[in-house]
Structure formats: structure tokens, C-alpha cells
Amino acid sequence: MSDSPDRNRAIPNTMSTQHPDNASNPEWNKEEVINGNAEVLEAYHAYNTLGCQEVMWDSEGKDTDTHVSRKLFQKYWEYFASHTIGEDIFLTYRIPNPKIEGAEKKILTETLQNIPVATDVASMVYKREITPIFEVILPFTTEAKEIIMLCNYYKKAIVAAEDATLYENTTVKDWIGNVKPKALKVIPLVEDFNSILHVDNIILPYLKTIKPKQQRVFIARSDPALNYGYICAILLTKIALSKLKELEKQHCEIHPIIGVGSKPFRGHLSPDNIDNFLEEYKGISTVTIQSAFRYDYPVEQVKESIQILNQRLPNDNPEPISSEEEETLLRILHKFRSQYEHQIEILAPFINSVATYVPPRRARKLHIGLFGYSRCVAGVCLPRAISFAAALYSIGLPPEFIGMKVLDTLTDKEWSTLNKHYLKMNSDIKIMSEYLSMNNINMLQEMSHTTAKRAGMSEEKLKEALTSIVEDLKIVEKKLSLSLGPKGIAQRKHENFTNNFLLSFLQKQDTEAKTALVESSKLRKCLG
């Protein structure tokens, strides 16, 4: 097999990831937190049991095992003997971006140095030349030069080192052998507003410089929802998909990846929403299968859903967005972003105080996400997207509703454009409306003094935030003709647990609060 970065290869449709959004622990894990060798078992489970075609191995924000391929071969060779990594199934590193790392930015080097080792191990066990890892994901990509530099770093600092002379006529190659692959594919992960909006401008210089025959591009859905609001995250994704399709017409195959969680706020890809999801997000080649998808639903349903995704992706072309429509969408985006940011900045201390009760599902280092990076200077920080959403779901306030009063300010043209490009808005909001608890919101208003003190914020600010949220809810009811609140038995039980959580939280009854939070998350089938 050629290890050139421009070779054609099968594009995987389902990518198992390590996002810690699962409410329930998998049966095979005996600990509360998945880490270490358990993640090696998890990778095998994703391939063999669930049918995922790719596993993302995360080196960002945690200590990671860069010898994962060797351990997979050692422990599960019977499976991998007939399922070749790099040809039939894929293992893709998500590496740290030195731009946003602190003292540990050289983990990038450590991770890349291991890729040739994986090649040597795989070639030995398969008894032919195999390149199991030839592609990496670079998070928080904002400029073309970052992905070009990464390609060049691998070539110049790792591959070219094989020709360095160590002693007299002895080179590195003579001593430790050839370094393969000779080049690396890079998947840019775009996460912030401008990068997603102008993803074509990031990708184009890379395509012109590297000239690949295929290019994968990763579009985030969680962090944009956290940073700019639910509606913004959806519209940004639609614009990016449209622009990537236009870029593909002029250059090479482009295969979008979309990073999605189970509930609408983070993308709404769950085993019970496959058809709607595929209709909503057209033009994608790969979807992330996150932990809640894998562990909070019956395993047979999970396997069937992954099989459907493997069969139906890529799913047609995205809806084209004209320049006129993009201008309209930009006006909508700025309205929603402004309103959402205003409300969240006020509510941040309360969200942070609740988020401390969200249980960790993975061994992770502290990482505050894009909103935190941009707002910590002003003293306002937020947890990561999963904990953020979990905190709000756990008090009976789905984050999907925050800032939705903007719906009442849209012009007729803006309203029709929004409905054209967000097909399942009514369906998504109707589902989440059953996880809303007006009883809890009324209680927070009535106990505003106690709540504000517990959250470490002013009562005046809390009242302002709650008043604004009530306005959001009224506008949603009016514009979408919905009656908000639980209807089914599971949703009513969910409300009971969120009520128990809130009362325990206010009384500082930590054990009871944590129990109620976990029980509510199991009912909605995800943490956040």
C-alpha cells in the first residue's frame, strides 16, 4: 500500500469518539471513569461489537496511550487479523494544537513520533507493509498555515531525520530503519464562529499547497452551541457544508465530518433520531458516534443504527446557500449570538455551580473550551459543552431555549430562511420541550435569594436571567405553537429528578444532588 497523502482510500462513515457524555457506564467497564487500558478495550468494542468504521484516539486534554495499535494487536489479534487497521477500519489521532496548549504542547511531537512505530508494528504482524495511522485531526484550526505547518513538521522533523548522520557514514535510517508513512494527512477541526463561517478560506490554501485527491474536514457542533447558542451552531454548520461542496467542485473530493451528540443542542444524532438527522444534515461523509449514543441505548439498537449510518452515508448534497441567503443567515446569526451571549454571561455563575455535580466519565485534564478562553479575561468562564448542557438539563432548563426570544424579532424573510435551512426545528424543540420544568423555574424565581447566594451571584442578576428565560419560553410557545412541559411518563419522572436535584443543590446535600442528577440523565439517555 502506498503511504502517500494523496492516495485514495475508503472514507469511514462512523467514528467512535471518547466524548464523555454517557449517563450510564458500559457493562464492560467496572469503574466510574473510563481510562487507560479500558479505552483500548473500548476501541475494540467499537469496531467488533458495534460496527464503527473508525476510532478517534484523543491526545488532546488528557494523558493518552500512543501504543494503542500495538495493544490492540496483542489483545485482539483474532479480530484484527481479518480487519486491517488502515485499510478496512481506521484509527485516527486527535492531537493537541500547540497554539492553545501550555506546558504540554510538545505532546504533539510525542504523538507524531509514535506514528512510524505503529507502522513498524503493523507491518510486522501483518507480514506486509501496512500504514495503520496516516491521518490526524488538528483541533481549533483557524488558519491554513496551521495544517500546512503540521504536514511540513512531520516531513522535516520526523521523516527527514532518517537521513541524518549519526556517526561516520551511519544514518538514523541505518540504525532504526525507515520512517513511514512519508507524509501525513491532516483533518482540520474548525470550532469557532469565523473559522466555520469561512472554512473554505482555511481549506483552499492547503489544497493548493498539498494537492490531495481527497480531503476530510471536521465541523464541530458542541463548542459552537456552547459559545454562540443552539441556532447559531446549526446555521453555521449548514453554511460550512454548502461552502465545502462548492470548493469540492473546483478542487478535489471533500468529505465533511460532523461532531454531534445525542440531544439537539449538540447535534441530535441518537439511535432514535437517525432519519431526521440524515435529512437535516445533508452532505456529510462521517459522523461521530459519541459515548451516550453507544452506552445509553440498548446495544442491539445501537448496532442497527450504526449499520444504517454506514449504509446511508454520505447522504446526498447539502442545500446550496446563495450569497443573498448567506447575508440573511448572517443577520439571523448575529441576532441569536448577541442575545445568547448576553443571557449566558449573566447566568454563568449559576451554571458553573451546578456543573460541579456532573460526574466525570473520562480521565481528563481541565479544559475550559472556547467560550471560557474568550471570556475568562472578564471573569466569566464556563465548563465544557457536555457539562454545560448537563447542568442545564439537570435543573429542567434545556439550553436549546436560551436566547430563543430572538424568533419574535425576525423579519418574514429571515423567518422563512431559517425554516428553509433548519428543517427539523419544530420537531427538535417539541422533543426538548418535554424536558422543561416550569415548576423548577418558578421555584428558582421564588427562592431567588437562596439560589443567588448558593451560586455566588447577585440576586438582581439572577432575577434578570430568569425573567429573560421566561420570555424565551413564551416566544417559543407563541411562534412554534407548542405547549411546554413533560407529557410522557419518562419525562414526568425526569422532572421529578430535576426537582429533587434542585432542592438538594440549594440545601447543599451533595450526595442526594449527585444521585438525582445521574438518574435524570439516564432517563434522557445522556449527560449533556
Protein backbone atom coordinates (compact mmCIF):
# COMPACT_ATOMS: atom_id res chain seq x y z
CA MET A 1 0.00 0.00 0.00
CA SER A 2 1.26 3.48 -0.85
CA ASP A 3 1.68 5.82 2.10
CA SER A 4 1.36 9.00 0.02
CA PRO A 5 -1.10 11.52 1.48
CA ASP A 6 -2.83 11.89 -1.87
CA ARG A 7 -3.75 8.23 -2.24
CA ASN A 8 -7.44 7.41 -2.43
CA ARG A 9 -8.80 5.43 0.47
CA ALA A 10 -12.15 4.31 1.80
CA ILE A 11 -13.74 7.08 3.83
CA PRO A 12 -15.21 5.77 7.10
CA ASN A 13 -18.79 6.80 7.85
CA THR A 14 -18.92 6.25 11.62
CA MET A 15 -16.24 7.49 14.01
CA SER A 16 -16.31 6.32 17.62
CA THR A 17 -15.07 9.09 19.93
CA GLN A 18 -14.21 9.49 23.59
CA HIS A 19 -16.62 12.36 24.35
CA PRO A 20 -17.73 11.82 27.98
CA ASP A 21 -21.48 12.39 27.50
CA ASN A 22 -22.75 8.97 28.61
CA ALA A 23 -25.14 8.80 31.57
CA SER A 24 -24.65 5.05 32.06
CA ASN A 25 -21.35 3.22 32.28
CA PRO A 26 -20.81 0.45 29.72
CA GLU A 27 -21.20 -3.08 31.04
CA TRP A 28 -17.58 -3.94 30.29
CA ASN A 29 -16.21 -1.13 32.48
CA LYS A 30 -16.19 -1.73 36.24
CA GLU A 31 -15.03 1.77 37.18
CA GLU A 32 -16.95 5.05 37.20
CA VAL A 33 -14.37 6.60 34.88
CA ILE A 34 -13.10 5.13 31.59
CA ASN A 35 -9.32 5.45 31.28
CA GLY A 36 -6.10 3.65 30.50
CA ASN A 37 -6.44 0.12 29.18
CA ALA A 38 -10.24 0.38 29.35
CA GLU A 39 -10.06 2.77 26.38
CA VAL A 40 -8.13 0.13 24.40
CA LEU A 41 -10.91 -2.36 25.11
CA GLU A 42 -13.41 0.34 24.18
CA ALA A 43 -11.78 0.81 20.77
CA TYR A 44 -12.01 -2.93 20.07
CA HIS A 45 -15.64 -2.93 21.27
CA ALA A 46 -16.46 -0.04 18.90
CA TYR A 47 -15.04 -1.94 15.92
CA ASN A 48 -16.02 -5.50 16.67
CA THR A 49 -19.30 -5.30 18.59
CA LEU A 50 -20.84 -2.04 17.38
CA GLY A 51 -19.53 -1.86 13.82
CA CYS A 52 -17.90 1.58 13.88
CA GLN A 53 -15.52 2.00 10.96
CA GLU A 54 -13.16 4.43 12.70
CA VAL A 55 -11.97 5.21 16.20
CA MET A 56 -10.73 8.66 17.15
CA TRP A 57 -7.90 8.31 19.66
CA ASP A 58 -7.76 11.52 21.65
CA SER A 59 -4.41 13.03 22.68
CA GLU A 60 -5.95 16.42 23.48
CA GLY A 61 -6.81 17.31 27.07
CA LYS A 62 -5.78 14.01 28.64
CA ASP A 63 -2.95 11.56 29.11
CA THR A 64 -3.16 9.15 26.21
CA ASP A 65 -1.68 5.82 25.25
CA THR A 66 0.18 6.24 21.96
CA HIS A 67 0.83 2.49 21.81
CA VAL A 68 -2.83 1.72 21.25
CA SER A 69 -2.32 -0.09 17.93
CA ARG A 70 0.24 -2.48 19.44
CA LYS A 71 -2.06 -3.24 22.38
CA LEU A 72 -5.00 -3.86 20.06
CA PHE A 73 -2.93 -6.35 18.06
CA GLN A 74 -1.66 -8.07 21.20
CA LYS A 75 -5.03 -8.44 22.91
CA TYR A 76 -7.42 -8.89 19.99
CA TRP A 77 -5.38 -10.31 17.13
CA GLU A 78 -8.07 -12.80 16.13
CA TYR A 79 -10.26 -9.85 15.10
CA PHE A 80 -7.58 -7.61 13.63
CA ALA A 81 -6.06 -10.42 11.58
CA SER A 82 -9.06 -10.16 9.27
CA HIS A 83 -9.81 -6.46 9.80
CA THR A 84 -6.73 -4.49 8.79
CA ILE A 85 -6.26 -1.13 10.52
CA GLY A 86 -5.59 1.47 7.85
CA GLU A 87 -7.44 -0.43 5.13
CA ASP A 88 -10.69 -1.97 6.44
CA ILE A 89 -11.06 0.06 9.63
CA PHE A 90 -9.30 3.20 10.78
CA LEU A 91 -7.55 4.63 13.84
CA THR A 92 -7.17 8.42 13.82
CA TYR A 93 -5.30 10.51 16.37
CA ARG A 94 -6.74 13.78 17.60
CA ILE A 95 -3.61 15.67 18.50
CA PRO A 96 -3.14 18.77 20.67
CA ASN A 97 -2.86 22.12 18.91
CA PRO A 98 0.35 23.82 20.13
CA LYS A 99 -1.33 27.20 19.67
CA ILE A 100 -3.68 26.64 22.62
CA GLU A 101 -1.61 24.26 24.74
CA GLY A 102 0.55 25.44 27.60
CA ALA A 103 3.48 23.50 29.01
CA GLU A 104 2.42 20.31 27.25
CA LYS A 105 2.40 21.50 23.65
CA LYS A 106 5.21 19.04 22.85
CA ILE A 107 2.74 16.18 23.30
CA LEU A 108 2.18 16.90 19.61
CA THR A 109 5.73 15.74 18.94
CA GLU A 110 5.35 12.68 21.13
CA THR A 111 2.16 11.64 19.34
CA LEU A 112 3.54 12.15 15.83
CA GLN A 113 6.77 10.31 16.67
CA ASN A 114 4.69 7.26 17.54
CA ILE A 115 3.04 7.02 14.10
CA PRO A 116 6.10 5.38 12.41
CA VAL A 117 6.31 2.97 15.35
CA ALA A 118 2.73 1.91 14.66
CA THR A 119 3.72 1.30 11.02
CA ASP A 120 6.62 -0.94 12.05
CA VAL A 121 4.43 -2.95 14.44
CA ALA A 122 1.58 -3.34 11.94
CA SER A 123 3.92 -4.33 9.10
CA MET A 124 5.47 -6.98 11.33
CA VAL A 125 2.19 -8.56 12.48
CA TYR A 126 0.53 -8.42 9.06
CA LYS A 127 3.75 -9.59 7.37
CA ARG A 128 3.41 -6.91 4.68
CA GLU A 129 3.80 -3.14 4.54
CA ILE A 130 0.86 -1.58 6.40
CA THR A 131 0.36 2.02 7.48
CA PRO A 132 -2.29 1.86 10.21
CA ILE A 133 -2.20 5.55 11.13
CA PHE A 134 -1.71 8.10 8.37
CA GLU A 135 -4.16 10.84 9.30
CA VAL A 136 -4.53 13.15 12.31
CA ILE A 137 -7.13 15.65 13.49
CA LEU A 138 -5.95 19.15 14.44
CA PRO A 139 -8.46 20.79 16.79
CA PHE A 140 -9.21 24.50 16.88
CA THR A 141 -7.85 25.10 13.37
CA THR A 142 -8.26 28.75 12.41
CA GLU A 143 -5.72 29.24 9.60
CA ALA A 144 -4.46 27.27 6.61
CA LYS A 145 -0.88 27.72 7.78
CA GLU A 146 -1.54 25.54 10.85
CA ILE A 147 -2.37 22.44 8.83
CA ILE A 148 0.37 23.16 6.29
CA MET A 149 2.90 23.59 9.13
CA LEU A 150 1.78 20.30 10.65
CA CYS A 151 2.35 18.48 7.34
CA ASN A 152 5.75 20.11 6.97
CA TYR A 153 6.74 19.43 10.58
CA TYR A 154 6.10 15.73 10.11
CA LYS A 155 8.10 15.65 6.86
CA LYS A 156 11.01 17.80 8.05
CA ALA A 157 11.33 16.94 11.74
CA ILE A 158 10.34 13.26 11.71
CA VAL A 159 10.71 11.78 8.22
CA ALA A 160 13.75 13.79 7.10
CA ALA A 161 15.55 12.88 10.33
CA GLU A 162 16.11 9.36 8.94
CA ASP A 163 18.84 10.77 6.68
CA ALA A 164 20.75 12.47 9.49
CA THR A 165 24.28 11.15 10.01
CA LEU A 166 24.91 9.80 13.49
CA TYR A 167 28.47 8.52 13.22
CA GLU A 168 30.81 8.45 10.23
CA ASN A 169 28.57 7.02 7.45
CA THR A 170 25.84 5.67 9.72
CA THR A 171 22.49 7.42 9.40
CA VAL A 172 19.35 7.28 11.50
CA LYS A 173 17.83 5.06 8.79
CA ASP A 174 20.73 2.61 9.12
CA TRP A 175 20.28 2.48 12.88
CA ILE A 176 16.49 2.31 13.43
CA GLY A 177 15.13 1.74 9.92
CA ASN A 178 12.97 3.74 7.54
CA VAL A 179 10.38 6.18 8.79
CA LYS A 180 6.91 5.54 7.35
CA PRO A 181 4.49 6.94 6.37
CA LYS A 182 6.49 9.53 4.47
CA ALA A 183 3.70 12.09 4.72
CA LEU A 184 0.66 12.76 6.85
CA LYS A 185 -2.94 13.61 6.05
CA VAL A 186 -4.34 16.36 8.28
CA ILE A 187 -8.01 16.84 9.14
CA PRO A 188 -8.68 20.42 10.26
CA LEU A 189 -11.27 20.66 13.04
CA VAL A 190 -12.99 24.05 12.85
CA GLU A 191 -14.72 25.13 16.06
CA ASP A 192 -15.08 28.91 16.36
CA PHE A 193 -17.57 31.21 14.61
CA ASN A 194 -15.32 32.73 11.95
CA SER A 195 -13.48 29.51 11.16
CA ILE A 196 -16.70 27.59 10.49
CA LEU A 197 -18.19 30.50 8.58
CA HIS A 198 -15.10 30.83 6.38
CA VAL A 199 -13.97 27.19 6.35
CA ASP A 200 -13.39 27.37 2.59
CA ASN A 201 -10.77 30.09 3.09
CA ILE A 202 -8.94 27.84 5.56
CA ILE A 203 -9.02 24.77 3.34
CA LEU A 204 -8.23 26.35 -0.05
CA PRO A 205 -4.54 27.28 0.56
CA TYR A 206 -3.97 23.80 1.99
CA LEU A 207 -5.48 22.16 -1.10
CA LYS A 208 -3.33 24.31 -3.38
CA THR A 209 -0.17 23.55 -1.40
CA ILE A 210 -0.58 19.86 -0.58
CA LYS A 211 -2.79 18.90 -3.57
CA PRO A 212 -4.57 15.92 -2.01
CA LYS A 213 -7.03 13.83 -4.03
CA GLN A 214 -9.32 13.63 -1.01
CA GLN A 215 -9.69 15.92 1.99
CA ARG A 216 -11.64 15.39 5.19
CA VAL A 217 -12.86 18.44 7.13
CA PHE A 218 -14.20 18.22 10.69
CA ILE A 219 -17.01 20.62 11.67
CA ALA A 220 -17.67 20.98 15.40
CA ARG A 221 -21.24 21.18 16.71
CA SER A 222 -20.79 21.17 20.51
CA ASP A 223 -18.49 24.11 21.16
CA PRO A 224 -20.31 26.41 18.72
CA ALA A 225 -23.57 25.63 20.57
CA LEU A 226 -21.88 26.38 23.90
CA ASN A 227 -20.25 29.56 22.63
CA TYR A 228 -22.87 31.08 20.37
CA GLY A 229 -26.11 29.23 21.04
CA TYR A 230 -28.08 26.36 19.60
CA ILE A 231 -29.49 28.08 16.47
CA CYS A 232 -26.09 29.56 15.59
CA ALA A 233 -24.43 26.14 15.74
CA ILE A 234 -26.95 24.70 13.27
CA LEU A 235 -26.81 27.57 10.79
CA LEU A 236 -23.01 27.76 10.87
CA THR A 237 -22.85 24.05 10.05
CA LYS A 238 -25.22 24.48 7.10
CA ILE A 239 -23.16 27.36 5.69
CA ALA A 240 -19.93 25.38 6.08
CA LEU A 241 -21.35 22.32 4.32
CA SER A 242 -22.55 24.46 1.42
CA LYS A 243 -19.16 26.16 1.04
CA LEU A 244 -17.26 22.88 1.19
CA LYS A 245 -19.42 21.47 -1.59
CA GLU A 246 -18.63 24.49 -3.78
CA LEU A 247 -14.93 24.08 -3.02
CA GLU A 248 -15.11 20.42 -3.99
CA LYS A 249 -16.39 21.31 -7.46
CA GLN A 250 -13.18 23.24 -8.15
CA HIS A 251 -10.56 21.08 -6.46
CA CYS A 252 -10.84 17.57 -5.02
CA GLU A 253 -13.16 15.26 -3.12
CA ILE A 254 -14.07 16.83 0.22
CA HIS A 255 -15.52 14.63 2.94
CA PRO A 256 -17.09 16.54 5.84
CA ILE A 257 -17.12 15.06 9.34
CA ILE A 258 -19.64 16.46 11.82
CA GLY A 259 -19.11 16.13 15.57
CA VAL A 260 -22.52 15.53 17.12
CA GLY A 261 -24.03 14.46 20.44
CA SER A 262 -27.39 12.90 21.26
CA LYS A 263 -29.63 15.87 22.05
CA PRO A 264 -30.47 18.78 19.69
CA PHE A 265 -28.17 21.25 21.47
CA ARG A 266 -25.12 19.17 20.44
CA GLY A 267 -26.41 17.84 17.11
CA HIS A 268 -29.22 15.34 17.81
CA LEU A 269 -27.63 12.17 16.47
CA SER A 270 -29.10 9.35 18.57
CA PRO A 271 -30.37 5.86 17.75
CA ASP A 272 -33.94 7.17 17.91
CA ASN A 273 -33.38 10.13 15.55
CA ILE A 274 -31.42 8.68 12.63
CA ASP A 275 -33.87 9.54 9.83
CA ASN A 276 -34.41 13.12 10.98
CA PHE A 277 -30.68 13.66 11.43
CA LEU A 278 -29.81 12.42 7.95
CA GLU A 279 -32.49 14.63 6.47
CA GLU A 280 -31.31 17.66 8.48
CA TYR A 281 -27.57 17.42 7.79
CA LYS A 282 -27.09 16.52 4.14
CA GLY A 283 -23.67 16.44 2.54
CA ILE A 284 -21.75 14.68 5.31
CA SER A 285 -19.48 11.66 4.95
CA THR A 286 -18.69 10.86 8.58
CA VAL A 287 -20.48 11.29 11.91
CA THR A 288 -19.15 10.92 15.43
CA ILE A 289 -20.64 8.12 17.50
CA GLN A 290 -20.16 9.53 20.97
CA SER A 291 -20.36 7.74 24.30
CA ALA A 292 -24.04 8.43 25.04
CA PHE A 293 -25.02 7.03 21.64
CA ARG A 294 -23.06 3.85 22.42
CA TYR A 295 -23.87 3.27 26.09
CA ASP A 296 -27.25 4.85 26.90
CA TYR A 297 -29.30 2.80 24.43
CA PRO A 298 -29.85 -0.97 24.06
CA VAL A 299 -26.83 -2.48 22.32
CA GLU A 300 -28.88 -4.07 19.53
CA GLN A 301 -30.47 -0.71 18.72
CA VAL A 302 -27.01 0.89 18.72
CA LYS A 303 -25.60 -1.74 16.33
CA GLU A 304 -28.57 -1.40 13.98
CA SER A 305 -28.28 2.40 13.99
CA ILE A 306 -24.56 2.33 13.22
CA GLN A 307 -25.21 -0.13 10.40
CA ILE A 308 -27.82 2.25 8.95
CA LEU A 309 -25.38 5.16 9.12
CA ASN A 310 -22.65 3.08 7.46
CA GLN A 311 -25.05 2.26 4.65
CA ARG A 312 -26.63 5.69 4.15
CA LEU A 313 -23.60 7.97 4.41
CA PRO A 314 -22.57 10.02 2.53
CA ASN A 315 -26.12 11.36 2.32
CA ASP A 316 -26.64 13.37 -0.85
CA ASN A 317 -25.59 17.01 -1.34
CA PRO A 318 -26.11 19.84 1.14
CA GLU A 319 -28.70 22.51 0.46
CA PRO A 320 -26.86 25.21 -1.54
CA ILE A 321 -26.82 28.63 0.08
CA SER A 322 -26.72 31.62 -2.24
CA SER A 323 -24.83 34.81 -1.34
CA GLU A 324 -28.15 36.55 -0.71
CA GLU A 325 -29.30 33.78 1.59
CA GLU A 326 -25.98 33.84 3.40
CA GLU A 327 -26.43 37.55 4.11
CA THR A 328 -29.86 36.79 5.59
CA LEU A 329 -28.46 33.92 7.64
CA LEU A 330 -25.68 36.17 8.92
CA ARG A 331 -28.25 38.66 10.20
CA ILE A 332 -30.04 35.82 11.97
CA LEU A 333 -26.75 34.51 13.36
CA HIS A 334 -25.74 37.87 14.81
CA LYS A 335 -29.15 38.35 16.44
CA PHE A 336 -29.08 34.95 18.11
CA ARG A 337 -25.42 35.15 19.09
CA SER A 338 -25.78 38.55 20.73
CA GLN A 339 -28.85 37.54 22.73
CA TYR A 340 -27.44 34.16 23.78
CA GLU A 341 -24.10 35.58 24.93
CA HIS A 342 -25.85 38.29 26.95
CA GLN A 343 -28.02 35.79 28.80
CA ILE A 344 -25.29 33.20 29.35
CA GLU A 345 -22.79 35.67 30.75
CA ILE A 346 -25.31 36.63 33.42
CA LEU A 347 -26.24 33.03 34.17
CA ALA A 348 -22.65 31.70 34.14
CA PRO A 349 -22.07 31.59 37.95
CA PHE A 350 -25.23 29.54 38.45
CA ILE A 351 -24.35 27.14 35.59
CA ASN A 352 -20.84 26.68 36.97
CA SER A 353 -22.11 25.91 40.46
CA VAL A 354 -24.47 23.24 39.11
CA ALA A 355 -21.86 21.77 36.74
CA THR A 356 -19.66 20.74 39.67
CA TYR A 357 -22.16 17.91 40.25
CA VAL A 358 -21.79 16.46 36.75
CA PRO A 359 -19.86 13.18 37.13
CA PRO A 360 -16.69 12.70 35.07
CA ARG A 361 -16.88 9.79 32.66
CA ARG A 362 -13.31 10.06 31.38
CA ALA A 363 -9.93 10.90 32.86
CA ARG A 364 -9.46 14.44 31.57
CA LYS A 365 -7.38 17.48 32.40
CA LEU A 366 -9.06 20.83 32.95
CA HIS A 367 -10.08 22.33 29.61
CA ILE A 368 -12.50 25.22 29.55
CA GLY A 369 -13.43 25.41 25.88
CA LEU A 370 -13.72 28.34 23.51
CA PHE A 371 -16.22 30.39 25.49
CA GLY A 372 -14.01 30.14 28.53
CA TYR A 373 -10.93 31.18 26.59
CA SER A 374 -12.71 34.23 25.22
CA ARG A 375 -14.48 35.24 28.44
CA CYS A 376 -12.11 34.39 31.29
CA VAL A 377 -10.37 37.72 30.97
CA ALA A 378 -13.62 39.36 32.04
CA GLY A 379 -14.00 36.85 34.85
CA VAL A 380 -16.68 34.74 33.15
CA CYS A 381 -15.80 31.12 32.41
CA LEU A 382 -17.95 28.12 31.54
CA PRO A 383 -17.44 24.35 31.69
CA ARG A 384 -17.06 22.23 28.57
CA ALA A 385 -20.12 21.78 26.37
CA ILE A 386 -21.19 18.41 27.82
CA SER A 387 -21.07 19.59 31.44
CA PHE A 388 -22.69 22.87 30.44
CA ALA A 389 -25.63 21.13 28.79
CA ALA A 390 -25.85 18.56 31.59
CA ALA A 391 -26.08 21.32 34.20
CA LEU A 392 -29.00 22.99 32.42
CA TYR A 393 -30.83 19.76 31.60
CA SER A 394 -30.45 18.75 35.25
CA ILE A 395 -32.40 21.76 36.51
CA GLY A 396 -35.13 21.30 33.90
CA LEU A 397 -33.95 24.10 31.60
CA PRO A 398 -32.77 22.67 28.26
CA PRO A 399 -30.10 25.01 26.81
CA GLU A 400 -31.89 24.85 23.45
CA PHE A 401 -34.33 27.50 24.74
CA ILE A 402 -31.82 30.15 25.83
CA GLY A 403 -32.00 33.21 23.58
CA MET A 404 -35.00 31.96 21.60
CA LYS A 405 -36.88 35.22 22.14
CA VAL A 406 -35.00 36.32 19.02
CA LEU A 407 -37.57 34.35 16.99
CA ASP A 408 -40.01 37.18 17.64
CA THR A 409 -37.64 39.76 16.12
CA LEU A 410 -37.09 38.00 12.79
CA THR A 411 -38.44 39.57 9.62
CA ASP A 412 -40.63 37.48 7.33
CA LYS A 413 -37.64 36.88 5.08
CA GLU A 414 -35.43 35.85 7.99
CA TRP A 415 -38.14 33.55 9.36
CA SER A 416 -38.64 31.78 6.03
CA THR A 417 -34.87 31.45 5.50
CA LEU A 418 -34.42 29.99 8.98
CA ASN A 419 -37.18 27.44 8.36
CA LYS A 420 -35.74 26.55 4.96
CA HIS A 421 -32.31 25.75 6.38
CA TYR A 422 -33.31 24.35 9.77
CA LEU A 423 -35.76 21.70 8.66
CA LYS A 424 -36.48 19.98 11.96
CA MET A 425 -36.76 22.99 14.27
CA ASN A 426 -40.32 22.27 15.37
CA SER A 427 -39.60 18.57 15.86
CA ASP A 428 -36.40 19.20 17.85
CA ILE A 429 -37.92 21.86 20.08
CA LYS A 430 -41.03 19.77 20.69
CA ILE A 431 -38.87 16.87 21.91
CA MET A 432 -36.85 19.11 24.23
CA SER A 433 -39.96 20.93 25.47
CA GLU A 434 -40.87 17.81 27.46
CA TYR A 435 -37.63 18.14 29.44
CA LEU A 436 -38.54 21.66 30.53
CA SER A 437 -39.77 22.15 34.10
CA MET A 438 -41.69 25.36 34.69
CA ASN A 439 -42.08 24.22 38.31
CA ASN A 440 -38.31 24.45 38.73
CA ILE A 441 -38.06 27.82 37.01
CA ASN A 442 -40.86 29.17 39.21
CA MET A 443 -39.08 27.77 42.26
CA LEU A 444 -35.83 29.48 41.26
CA GLN A 445 -37.69 32.77 40.95
CA GLU A 446 -39.44 32.33 44.29
CA MET A 447 -36.19 31.31 46.00
CA SER A 448 -34.01 33.78 44.15
CA HIS A 449 -32.24 34.99 47.29
CA THR A 450 -31.22 31.46 48.35
CA THR A 451 -30.31 30.47 44.78
CA ALA A 452 -28.19 33.57 44.16
CA LYS A 453 -26.32 33.06 47.41
CA ARG A 454 -25.73 29.38 46.59
CA ALA A 455 -24.43 30.30 43.12
CA GLY A 456 -22.28 33.19 44.31
CA MET A 457 -24.03 35.82 42.20
CA SER A 458 -26.22 38.84 42.81
CA GLU A 459 -29.94 38.23 43.27
CA GLU A 460 -30.67 41.07 40.87
CA LYS A 461 -28.65 39.38 38.10
CA LEU A 462 -30.31 36.03 38.74
CA LYS A 463 -33.77 37.57 38.53
CA GLU A 464 -32.81 39.29 35.29
CA ALA A 465 -31.62 35.99 33.81
CA LEU A 466 -34.72 34.08 34.89
CA THR A 467 -37.04 36.79 33.57
CA SER A 468 -35.26 36.63 30.23
CA ILE A 469 -35.60 32.83 30.12
CA VAL A 470 -39.34 33.04 30.81
CA GLU A 471 -39.58 35.43 27.85
CA ASP A 472 -37.70 32.88 25.69
CA LEU A 473 -40.21 30.20 26.64
CA LYS A 474 -43.25 32.35 25.94
CA ILE A 475 -41.93 33.27 22.50
CA VAL A 476 -41.27 29.60 21.67
CA GLU A 477 -44.83 28.69 22.68
CA LYS A 478 -46.21 31.51 20.55
CA LYS A 479 -44.05 31.12 17.43
CA LEU A 480 -44.00 27.32 17.30
CA SER A 481 -47.48 26.71 18.74
CA LEU A 482 -46.13 24.41 21.44
CA SER A 483 -47.22 23.63 24.97
CA LEU A 484 -44.03 23.30 27.00
CA GLY A 485 -43.53 20.75 29.76
CA PRO A 486 -43.44 16.97 30.27
CA LYS A 487 -46.14 14.84 28.63
CA GLY A 488 -44.88 11.24 28.79
CA ILE A 489 -44.15 9.13 31.86
CA ALA A 490 -40.35 9.19 31.39
CA GLN A 491 -40.37 12.99 31.03
CA ARG A 492 -42.52 13.38 34.15
CA LYS A 493 -40.10 11.18 36.07
CA HIS A 494 -37.29 13.30 34.64
CA GLU A 495 -38.94 16.43 36.04
CA ASN A 496 -39.20 14.79 39.46
CA PHE A 497 -35.47 14.06 39.48
CA THR A 498 -34.59 17.59 38.33
CA ASN A 499 -36.79 18.93 41.13
CA ASN A 500 -35.04 16.67 43.64
CA PHE A 501 -31.67 17.77 42.30
CA LEU A 502 -32.51 21.45 42.60
CA LEU A 503 -33.79 21.13 46.18
CA SER A 504 -30.72 19.09 47.19
CA PHE A 505 -28.43 21.56 45.43
CA LEU A 506 -29.95 24.50 47.29
CA GLN A 507 -29.61 22.65 50.61
CA LYS A 508 -26.02 21.59 49.80
CA GLN A 509 -26.97 17.94 50.10
CA ASP A 510 -24.24 16.77 47.74
CA THR A 511 -24.87 13.02 47.75
CA GLU A 512 -28.60 13.40 47.09
CA ALA A 513 -27.93 16.03 44.41
CA LYS A 514 -25.46 13.83 42.53
CA THR A 515 -27.82 10.86 42.66
CA ALA A 516 -30.75 12.87 41.31
CA LEU A 517 -28.60 14.36 38.52
CA VAL A 518 -27.43 10.94 37.33
CA GLU A 519 -30.95 9.47 37.46
CA SER A 520 -32.35 12.30 35.36
CA SER A 521 -29.53 11.89 32.82
CA LYS A 522 -30.28 8.17 32.47
CA LEU A 523 -33.89 9.00 31.63
CA ARG A 524 -32.90 11.41 28.85
CA LYS A 525 -30.15 8.99 27.73
CA CYS A 526 -27.17 11.31 28.00
CA LEU A 527 -25.40 13.60 30.44
CA GLY A 528 -25.40 16.58 28.11
